[in-house]
């Protein structure tokens, strides 16, 4: 589609209706391409500002039909009280990895360490970096249908170890890490 649009535009510019030099035509096409890319790309990019993930820039795809373990997912979570001050829960989104999926065995032990199908996901800490007490989620059993256990990649990531499961319906996008 992109090529055919550009081809039609080049043909229109080359017609007798507009008299431009070859250089002016090329410049106009480049400017138009930047304009179209600039209008299309920004809503599909997301920048993660927290250190909870190794990646910082993500390309957003539509909500996936099938979620796989390890997928980066964008969601809006209702319980953002522990998130850094200044975030507006009504508009702020979270990006985390799917750590444990519906019907997979999730276990937590007395030290608040979490395991999915026997693989270590992380440990919930008693306090945040400022010393404020953190809520701790505890669960043993299969992840309920329609729920997801989300994890970050940093030991201090505020994720499902603290706020529990999220509804799969709250997933807005799949995120592909770019950088």
Foldseek 3Di string as FASTA:
>chain_A
DVVVVLVVLLVVCPDPVHDDDPVVSVVVSVVVVVVVCVVPFPVQKAADDDPLAPFGIWGWDFQDPDADFFWWFKFQDPPCPPPDPPDDSVPDIDIFTFHAAAQWWWAADPQLWIDTNRHTQAHDDQAAPVRHGAAADGDTGGHHPQWTFTGTNDNRDDGCRGVNIDGSVRTGTTIDGDD
